[in-house]
Amino acid sequence: MREHPSRPWAVATALIAAAWAFFLLPPQQAVWSGADIPPWLGALDSQPVYDGIRLWLASMGLHDYYLVFGAAASVSFLLLWFATGPALIALGWSGRVLSLLLLVAAPLTLLSYLNHPTDAPLHLLWGAEGVALLAICLWAMVVALAAPRDVARVWERLLLAATLPIVVGATILFTYWPHGSLIGLGIEAAVLAAWAPRADVELRDATATPDGVRRAAGGP
């Protein structure tokens, strides 16, 4: 059985996912945009920490910074899957599918950036993280409609339904996807982790009554 993080750890993990995406954003945008990088991101990219990381990568023979800082964003998807698990599983089959989409987005992002060169064997996967993000946003709307009414709160449904504008807004604000998108998604995940009903709590409450015990045991 999947181990659920405690609520504080789930919130912290979601915020770390957003912070990690933000940390990766300046050098990634610098590689992608070059001289056209937004000034505020250019100022961040010029900080010594990024110069030090690039020197360290170069010393190991890693000069494809687009690959390194892009593929590393897969970690944020993995952290979001871990952080939102208890809340999404509590929402039934549709929530489980959304949780699975977050998990699948992690290796897809990694494969996308690994295959960005035009001569890569799986070059068709370049940009697959965008498809994964779109699938997550659209399926979140399904969850908002399909989640059990005795579990999902109204605010939770509204937040899930707003996943698409949240992700689009974050992408526009931070000027790059998936990194900017993940910042918005991470904040949304932190809210869900902090206040949404959890699968472990729902199961404990359900089995606390005689009817719940019979259901947990497979009875009528």
C-alpha atoms as a PDB file:
ATOM      1  CA  MET A   1       0.000   0.000   0.000  1.00  0.00           C
ATOM      2  CA  ARG A   2       1.250   3.480  -0.833  1.00  0.00           C
ATOM      3  CA  GLU A   3       2.634   5.295   2.187  1.00  0.00           C
ATOM      4  CA  HIS A   4       1.030   8.712   2.686  1.00  0.00           C
ATOM      5  CA  PRO A   5       3.085  11.670   3.898  1.00  0.00           C
ATOM      6  CA  SER A   6       1.800  13.561   6.914  1.00  0.00           C
ATOM      7  CA  ARG A   7      -0.099  16.752   6.124  1.00  0.00           C
ATOM      8  CA  PRO A   8       2.818  19.087   7.043  1.00  0.00           C
ATOM      9  CA  TRP A   9       5.210  17.012   4.952  1.00  0.00           C
ATOM     10  CA  ALA A  10       2.790  16.991   2.032  1.00  0.00           C
ATOM     11  CA  VAL A  11       2.503  20.785   2.131  1.00  0.00           C
ATOM     12  CA  ALA A  12       6.277  21.175   2.420  1.00  0.00           C
ATOM     13  CA  THR A  13       6.841  18.786  -0.486  1.00  0.00           C
ATOM     14  CA  ALA A  14       4.444  20.729  -2.732  1.00  0.00           C
ATOM     15  CA  LEU A  15       6.172  24.007  -1.882  1.00  0.00           C
ATOM     16  CA  ILE A  16       9.589  22.437  -2.504  1.00  0.00           C
ATOM     17  CA  ALA A  17       8.328  21.317  -5.925  1.00  0.00           C
ATOM     18  CA  ALA A  18       7.359  24.908  -6.747  1.00  0.00           C
ATOM     19  CA  ALA A  19      10.626  26.297  -5.335  1.00  0.00           C
ATOM     20  CA  TRP A  20      12.713  23.770  -7.291  1.00  0.00           C
ATOM     21  CA  ALA A  21      10.972  24.735 -10.537  1.00  0.00           C
ATOM     22  CA  PHE A  22      11.590  28.417  -9.748  1.00  0.00           C
ATOM     23  CA  PHE A  23      15.258  27.720  -9.002  1.00  0.00           C
ATOM     24  CA  LEU A  24      15.708  25.986 -12.355  1.00  0.00           C
ATOM     25  CA  LEU A  25      13.858  28.694 -14.277  1.00  0.00           C
ATOM     26  CA  PRO A  26      16.536  31.442 -14.720  1.00  0.00           C
ATOM     27  CA  PRO A  27      19.270  29.281 -16.298  1.00  0.00           C
ATOM     28  CA  GLN A  28      16.728  27.400 -18.397  1.00  0.00           C
ATOM     29  CA  GLN A  29      15.198  30.618 -19.699  1.00  0.00           C
ATOM     30  CA  ALA A  30      18.699  31.992 -20.362  1.00  0.00           C
ATOM     31  CA  VAL A  31      19.483  29.027 -22.611  1.00  0.00           C
ATOM     32  CA  TRP A  32      16.132  29.206 -24.376  1.00  0.00           C
ATOM     33  CA  SER A  33      15.822  32.963 -24.875  1.00  0.00           C
ATOM     34  CA  GLY A  34      19.434  34.123 -24.939  1.00  0.00           C
ATOM     35  CA  ALA A  35      19.587  37.928 -25.175  1.00  0.00           C
ATOM     36  CA  ASP A  36      15.782  38.085 -25.160  1.00  0.00           C
ATOM     37  CA  ILE A  37      15.531  36.769 -21.599  1.00  0.00           C
ATOM     38  CA  PRO A  38      13.249  38.910 -19.387  1.00  0.00           C
ATOM     39  CA  PRO A  39      15.461  41.341 -17.434  1.00  0.00           C
ATOM     40  CA  TRP A  40      14.404  40.077 -14.010  1.00  0.00           C
ATOM     41  CA  LEU A  41      15.238  36.501 -14.968  1.00  0.00           C
ATOM     42  CA  GLY A  42      18.502  37.659 -16.504  1.00  0.00           C
ATOM     43  CA  ALA A  43      19.406  39.347 -13.221  1.00  0.00           C
ATOM     44  CA  LEU A  44      18.721  36.113 -11.348  1.00  0.00           C
ATOM     45  CA  ASP A  45      20.665  34.047 -13.871  1.00  0.00           C
ATOM     46  CA  SER A  46      23.728  36.245 -13.367  1.00  0.00           C
ATOM     47  CA  GLN A  47      23.952  35.278  -9.698  1.00  0.00           C
ATOM     48  CA  PRO A  48      27.122  33.391  -8.656  1.00  0.00           C
ATOM     49  CA  VAL A  49      25.200  30.247  -7.737  1.00  0.00           C
ATOM     50  CA  TYR A  50      24.249  29.605 -11.360  1.00  0.00           C
ATOM     51  CA  ASP A  51      27.729  30.402 -12.651  1.00  0.00           C
ATOM     52  CA  GLY A  52      29.078  27.929 -10.124  1.00  0.00           C
ATOM     53  CA  ILE A  53      26.630  25.229 -11.192  1.00  0.00           C
ATOM     54  CA  ARG A  54      27.473  25.749 -14.867  1.00  0.00           C
ATOM     55  CA  LEU A  55      31.212  25.540 -14.110  1.00  0.00           C
ATOM     56  CA  TRP A  56      30.627  22.344 -12.140  1.00  0.00           C
ATOM     57  CA  LEU A  57      28.572  20.834 -14.964  1.00  0.00           C
ATOM     58  CA  ALA A  58      31.202  21.823 -17.521  1.00  0.00           C
ATOM     59  CA  SER A  59      33.900  20.175 -15.410  1.00  0.00           C
ATOM     60  CA  MET A  60      31.963  16.920 -15.755  1.00  0.00           C
ATOM     61  CA  GLY A  61      31.617  17.349 -19.500  1.00  0.00           C
ATOM     62  CA  LEU A  62      27.965  18.435 -19.357  1.00  0.00           C
ATOM     63  CA  HIS A  63      27.575  21.445 -21.637  1.00  0.00           C
ATOM     64  CA  ASP A  64      23.953  20.981 -22.693  1.00  0.00           C
ATOM     65  CA  TYR A  65      22.426  23.247 -20.059  1.00  0.00           C
ATOM     66  CA  TYR A  66      19.049  23.165 -21.780  1.00  0.00           C
ATOM     67  CA  LEU A  67      18.973  19.422 -21.158  1.00  0.00           C
ATOM     68  CA  VAL A  68      20.216  19.571 -17.572  1.00  0.00           C
ATOM     69  CA  PHE A  69      18.035  22.389 -16.253  1.00  0.00           C
ATOM     70  CA  GLY A  70      15.073  21.158 -18.279  1.00  0.00           C
ATOM     71  CA  ALA A  71      15.202  17.498 -17.330  1.00  0.00           C
ATOM     72  CA  ALA A  72      15.628  18.420 -13.663  1.00  0.00           C
ATOM     73  CA  ALA A  73      12.080  19.799 -13.694  1.00  0.00           C
ATOM     74  CA  SER A  74      10.877  16.189 -13.722  1.00  0.00           C
ATOM     75  CA  VAL A  75      11.660  16.135  -9.998  1.00  0.00           C
ATOM     76  CA  SER A  76       8.925  18.717  -9.388  1.00  0.00           C
ATOM     77  CA  PHE A  77       6.309  16.480 -11.017  1.00  0.00           C
ATOM     78  CA  LEU A  78       7.427  13.591  -8.829  1.00  0.00           C
ATOM     79  CA  LEU A  79       7.227  15.731  -5.681  1.00  0.00           C
ATOM     80  CA  LEU A  80       3.744  16.944  -6.643  1.00  0.00           C
ATOM     81  CA  TRP A  81       2.579  13.363  -7.122  1.00  0.00           C
ATOM     82  CA  PHE A  82       3.870  12.497  -3.645  1.00  0.00           C
ATOM     83  CA  ALA A  83       2.422  15.616  -2.015  1.00  0.00           C
ATOM     84  CA  THR A  84      -1.073  15.356  -3.472  1.00  0.00           C
ATOM     85  CA  GLY A  85      -1.496  11.592  -3.196  1.00  0.00           C
ATOM     86  CA  PRO A  86      -3.581  11.550   0.016  1.00  0.00           C
ATOM     87  CA  ALA A  87      -5.917  14.284  -1.248  1.00  0.00           C
ATOM     88  CA  LEU A  88      -6.360  12.931  -4.771  1.00  0.00           C
ATOM     89  CA  ILE A  89      -6.848   9.291  -3.799  1.00  0.00           C
ATOM     90  CA  ALA A  90      -9.648  10.389  -1.461  1.00  0.00           C
ATOM     91  CA  LEU A  91     -11.504  11.664  -4.539  1.00  0.00           C
ATOM     92  CA  GLY A  92     -12.057   8.195  -5.970  1.00  0.00           C
ATOM     93  CA  TRP A  93     -11.209   6.846  -9.414  1.00  0.00           C
ATOM     94  CA  SER A  94     -10.934  10.241 -11.094  1.00  0.00           C
ATOM     95  CA  GLY A  95      -8.546  11.508  -8.419  1.00  0.00           C
ATOM     96  CA  ARG A  96      -6.421   8.388  -8.796  1.00  0.00           C
ATOM     97  CA  VAL A  97      -6.157   9.019 -12.523  1.00  0.00           C
ATOM     98  CA  LEU A  98      -5.050  12.605 -11.865  1.00  0.00           C
ATOM     99  CA  SER A  99      -2.441  11.349  -9.423  1.00  0.00           C
ATOM    100  CA  LEU A 100      -1.214   8.898 -12.066  1.00  0.00           C
ATOM    101  CA  LEU A 101      -0.959  11.698 -14.632  1.00  0.00           C
ATOM    102  CA  LEU A 102       1.293  13.663 -12.266  1.00  0.00           C
ATOM    103  CA  LEU A 103       3.489  10.614 -11.828  1.00  0.00           C
ATOM    104  CA  VAL A 104       3.682   9.854 -15.564  1.00  0.00           C
ATOM    105  CA  ALA A 105       4.588  13.486 -16.288  1.00  0.00           C
ATOM    106  CA  ALA A 106       7.900  13.023 -14.444  1.00  0.00           C
ATOM    107  CA  PRO A 107       9.489  10.433 -16.784  1.00  0.00           C
ATOM    108  CA  LEU A 108       7.856  12.110 -19.802  1.00  0.00           C
ATOM    109  CA  THR A 109       9.604  15.387 -18.912  1.00  0.00           C
ATOM    110  CA  LEU A 110      12.905  13.576 -18.498  1.00  0.00           C
ATOM    111  CA  LEU A 111      12.533  11.770 -21.832  1.00  0.00           C
ATOM    112  CA  SER A 112      11.427  14.984 -23.547  1.00  0.00           C
ATOM    113  CA  TYR A 113      14.590  16.872 -22.668  1.00  0.00           C
ATOM    114  CA  LEU A 114      16.857  13.877 -23.224  1.00  0.00           C
ATOM    115  CA  ASN A 115      15.528  13.670 -26.764  1.00  0.00           C
ATOM    116  CA  HIS A 116      15.516  17.376 -27.669  1.00  0.00           C
ATOM    117  CA  PRO A 117      18.393  17.080 -30.211  1.00  0.00           C
ATOM    118  CA  THR A 118      17.024  16.644 -33.723  1.00  0.00           C
ATOM    119  CA  ASP A 119      19.017  13.426 -34.184  1.00  0.00           C
ATOM    120  CA  ALA A 120      17.795  11.866 -30.915  1.00  0.00           C
ATOM    121  CA  PRO A 121      16.119   8.462 -31.340  1.00  0.00           C
ATOM    122  CA  LEU A 122      12.932   9.618 -29.604  1.00  0.00           C
ATOM    123  CA  HIS A 123      12.909  13.222 -30.786  1.00  0.00           C
ATOM    124  CA  LEU A 124       9.127  12.994 -31.202  1.00  0.00           C
ATOM    125  CA  LEU A 125       8.894  13.072 -27.404  1.00  0.00           C
ATOM    126  CA  TRP A 126      10.408  16.552 -27.224  1.00  0.00           C
ATOM    127  CA  GLY A 127       7.665  18.738 -25.784  1.00  0.00           C
ATOM    128  CA  ALA A 128       5.773  15.803 -24.268  1.00  0.00           C
ATOM    129  CA  GLU A 129       5.744  17.564 -20.904  1.00  0.00           C
ATOM    130  CA  GLY A 130       3.432  20.158 -22.443  1.00  0.00           C
ATOM    131  CA  VAL A 131       0.989  17.433 -23.440  1.00  0.00           C
ATOM    132  CA  ALA A 132       1.214  16.019 -19.914  1.00  0.00           C
ATOM    133  CA  LEU A 133       0.491  19.431 -18.403  1.00  0.00           C
ATOM    134  CA  LEU A 134      -2.528  19.884 -20.648  1.00  0.00           C
ATOM    135  CA  ALA A 135      -3.810  16.432 -19.729  1.00  0.00           C
ATOM    136  CA  ILE A 136      -3.418  17.235 -16.028  1.00  0.00           C
ATOM    137  CA  CYS A 137      -5.302  20.512 -16.390  1.00  0.00           C
ATOM    138  CA  LEU A 138      -8.163  19.029 -18.401  1.00  0.00           C
ATOM    139  CA  TRP A 139      -8.503  15.947 -16.219  1.00  0.00           C
ATOM    140  CA  ALA A 140      -8.596  18.113 -13.098  1.00  0.00           C
ATOM    141  CA  MET A 141     -11.868  19.487 -14.473  1.00  0.00           C
ATOM    142  CA  VAL A 142     -13.199  15.933 -14.720  1.00  0.00           C
ATOM    143  CA  VAL A 143     -12.206  15.325 -11.102  1.00  0.00           C
ATOM    144  CA  ALA A 144     -14.015  18.502 -10.060  1.00  0.00           C
ATOM    145  CA  LEU A 145     -17.223  17.060 -11.514  1.00  0.00           C
ATOM    146  CA  ALA A 146     -16.789  13.361 -10.750  1.00  0.00           C
ATOM    147  CA  ALA A 147     -15.395  13.429  -7.189  1.00  0.00           C
ATOM    148  CA  PRO A 148     -17.727  12.022  -4.503  1.00  0.00           C
ATOM    149  CA  ARG A 149     -19.892  14.776  -3.085  1.00  0.00           C
ATOM    150  CA  ASP A 150     -19.508  13.492   0.467  1.00  0.00           C
ATOM    151  CA  VAL A 151     -15.713  13.873   0.237  1.00  0.00           C
ATOM    152  CA  ALA A 152     -14.830  16.787  -2.051  1.00  0.00           C
ATOM    153  CA  ARG A 153     -15.539  20.234  -0.638  1.00  0.00           C
ATOM    154  CA  VAL A 154     -16.941  22.984  -2.855  1.00  0.00           C
ATOM    155  CA  TRP A 155     -13.722  24.992  -2.630  1.00  0.00           C
ATOM    156  CA  GLU A 156     -11.740  21.886  -3.610  1.00  0.00           C
ATOM    157  CA  ARG A 157     -13.875  21.347  -6.706  1.00  0.00           C
ATOM    158  CA  LEU A 158     -13.497  24.995  -7.681  1.00  0.00           C
ATOM    159  CA  LEU A 159      -9.730  24.856  -7.200  1.00  0.00           C
ATOM    160  CA  LEU A 160      -9.399  21.714  -9.315  1.00  0.00           C
ATOM    161  CA  ALA A 161     -11.620  23.224 -12.001  1.00  0.00           C
ATOM    162  CA  ALA A 162      -9.333  26.273 -12.022  1.00  0.00           C
ATOM    163  CA  THR A 163      -6.173  24.226 -12.640  1.00  0.00           C
ATOM    164  CA  LEU A 164      -6.003  25.223 -16.307  1.00  0.00           C
ATOM    165  CA  PRO A 165      -6.151  29.013 -15.719  1.00  0.00           C
ATOM    166  CA  ILE A 166      -3.753  28.641 -12.777  1.00  0.00           C
ATOM    167  CA  VAL A 167      -1.195  26.829 -14.923  1.00  0.00           C
ATOM    168  CA  VAL A 168      -1.677  29.142 -17.907  1.00  0.00           C
ATOM    169  CA  GLY A 169      -1.397  32.208 -15.670  1.00  0.00           C
ATOM    170  CA  ALA A 170       1.782  30.927 -14.035  1.00  0.00           C
ATOM    171  CA  THR A 171       3.271  30.091 -17.422  1.00  0.00           C
ATOM    172  CA  ILE A 172       2.596  33.615 -18.683  1.00  0.00           C
ATOM    173  CA  LEU A 173       3.838  35.222 -15.476  1.00  0.00           C
ATOM    174  CA  PHE A 174       7.077  33.251 -15.377  1.00  0.00           C
ATOM    175  CA  THR A 175       7.447  33.193 -19.186  1.00  0.00           C
ATOM    176  CA  TYR A 176       8.349  29.526 -19.608  1.00  0.00           C
ATOM    177  CA  TRP A 177       6.856  26.057 -19.384  1.00  0.00           C
ATOM    178  CA  PRO A 178       6.982  23.616 -17.719  1.00  0.00           C
ATOM    179  CA  HIS A 179       9.022  25.430 -15.064  1.00  0.00           C
ATOM    180  CA  GLY A 180       6.719  28.420 -14.688  1.00  0.00           C
ATOM    181  CA  SER A 181       3.682  26.154 -14.969  1.00  0.00           C
ATOM    182  CA  LEU A 182       5.008  23.979 -12.151  1.00  0.00           C
ATOM    183  CA  ILE A 183       5.272  26.977  -9.845  1.00  0.00           C
ATOM    184  CA  GLY A 184       1.538  27.583 -10.137  1.00  0.00           C
ATOM    185  CA  LEU A 185       0.755  23.876  -9.952  1.00  0.00           C
ATOM    186  CA  GLY A 186       2.932  23.558  -6.854  1.00  0.00           C
ATOM    187  CA  ILE A 187       1.078  26.328  -5.038  1.00  0.00           C
ATOM    188  CA  GLU A 188      -2.252  24.720  -5.929  1.00  0.00           C
ATOM    189  CA  ALA A 189      -0.937  21.379  -4.692  1.00  0.00           C
ATOM    190  CA  ALA A 190       0.146  22.958  -1.409  1.00  0.00           C
ATOM    191  CA  VAL A 191      -3.401  24.252  -0.835  1.00  0.00           C
ATOM    192  CA  LEU A 192      -4.848  20.798  -1.525  1.00  0.00           C
ATOM    193  CA  ALA A 193      -2.271  19.159   0.719  1.00  0.00           C
ATOM    194  CA  ALA A 194      -3.001  21.612   3.518  1.00  0.00           C
ATOM    195  CA  TRP A 195      -6.801  21.549   3.636  1.00  0.00           C
ATOM    196  CA  ALA A 196      -8.353  18.896   1.389  1.00  0.00           C
ATOM    197  CA  PRO A 197      -9.720  15.645   2.910  1.00  0.00           C
ATOM    198  CA  ARG A 198      -7.142  12.862   2.835  1.00  0.00           C
ATOM    199  CA  ALA A 199      -7.474   9.220   1.832  1.00  0.00           C
ATOM    200  CA  ASP A 200      -5.938   7.937   5.060  1.00  0.00           C
ATOM    201  CA  VAL A 201      -8.318  10.028   7.185  1.00  0.00           C
ATOM    202  CA  GLU A 202     -11.365   9.036   5.122  1.00  0.00           C
ATOM    203  CA  LEU A 203     -10.457   5.361   5.457  1.00  0.00           C
ATOM    204  CA  ARG A 204      -9.979   5.661   9.203  1.00  0.00           C
ATOM    205  CA  ASP A 205     -13.311   7.443   9.588  1.00  0.00           C
ATOM    206  CA  ALA A 206     -15.081   4.903   7.393  1.00  0.00           C
ATOM    207  CA  THR A 207     -13.796   1.930   9.367  1.00  0.00           C
ATOM    208  CA  ALA A 208     -14.591   3.554  12.707  1.00  0.00           C
ATOM    209  CA  THR A 209     -18.271   2.499  12.403  1.00  0.00           C
ATOM    210  CA  PRO A 210     -19.702  -1.046  12.236  1.00  0.00           C
ATOM    211  CA  ASP A 211     -20.885  -0.406   8.666  1.00  0.00           C
ATOM    212  CA  GLY A 212     -17.457   0.847   7.745  1.00  0.00           C
ATOM    213  CA  VAL A 213     -15.807  -2.232   9.260  1.00  0.00           C
ATOM    214  CA  ARG A 214     -18.065  -4.499   7.178  1.00  0.00           C
ATOM    215  CA  ARG A 215     -17.269  -2.488   4.014  1.00  0.00           C
ATOM    216  CA  ALA A 216     -13.531  -2.606   4.715  1.00  0.00           C
ATOM    217  CA  ALA A 217     -13.794  -6.372   5.229  1.00  0.00           C
ATOM    218  CA  GLY A 218     -15.654  -6.776   1.961  1.00  0.00           C
ATOM    219  CA  GLY A 219     -19.108  -7.241   3.476  1.00  0.00           C
ATOM    220  CA  PRO A 220     -22.366  -5.724   2.240  1.00  0.00           C
END
